[in-house]
Amino acid sequence: MAQRPAEQVAFHRTELSIILSLYGRMVAAGEWRDYGISLLREVAVFSVFRRTAEMPLYRIEKRPKLRTKQGEYAVLGPNGQVLKRGHELKSVLRVLERKLIRVVE
């Protein structure tokens, strides 16, 4: 009997659109230069880099199992600290948008 492939968490097109919109603005501001996407069994991660060979500056995570608790979306800093967690992706990403406003000023 064939085994079913392990399911994985992924970002939906609308979620990716929101994330890539922010990513494009940060690239234009000269803050970010590269990204990577990891789709795992329990979490989908969008990692942002200043330089390709570095550790990620930020990680945007989607963990559906936390949907009913503190929220399925989170932004983590370079040392893994949770900067913001919540139920709506746009509100969670505001923590990074504030950094963009400071860069532009």
Foldseek 3Di string as FASTA:
>chain_A
DDDDPQDWDDDDPVLVVLVVVLVVLCVVLLNFDDWDWDIGNFKIWIFTHSDPPDQGQKIWIAGPVCCVPAARIFIAGRVRHTPAHHNDSVVRCVVVVVVSVVSVD
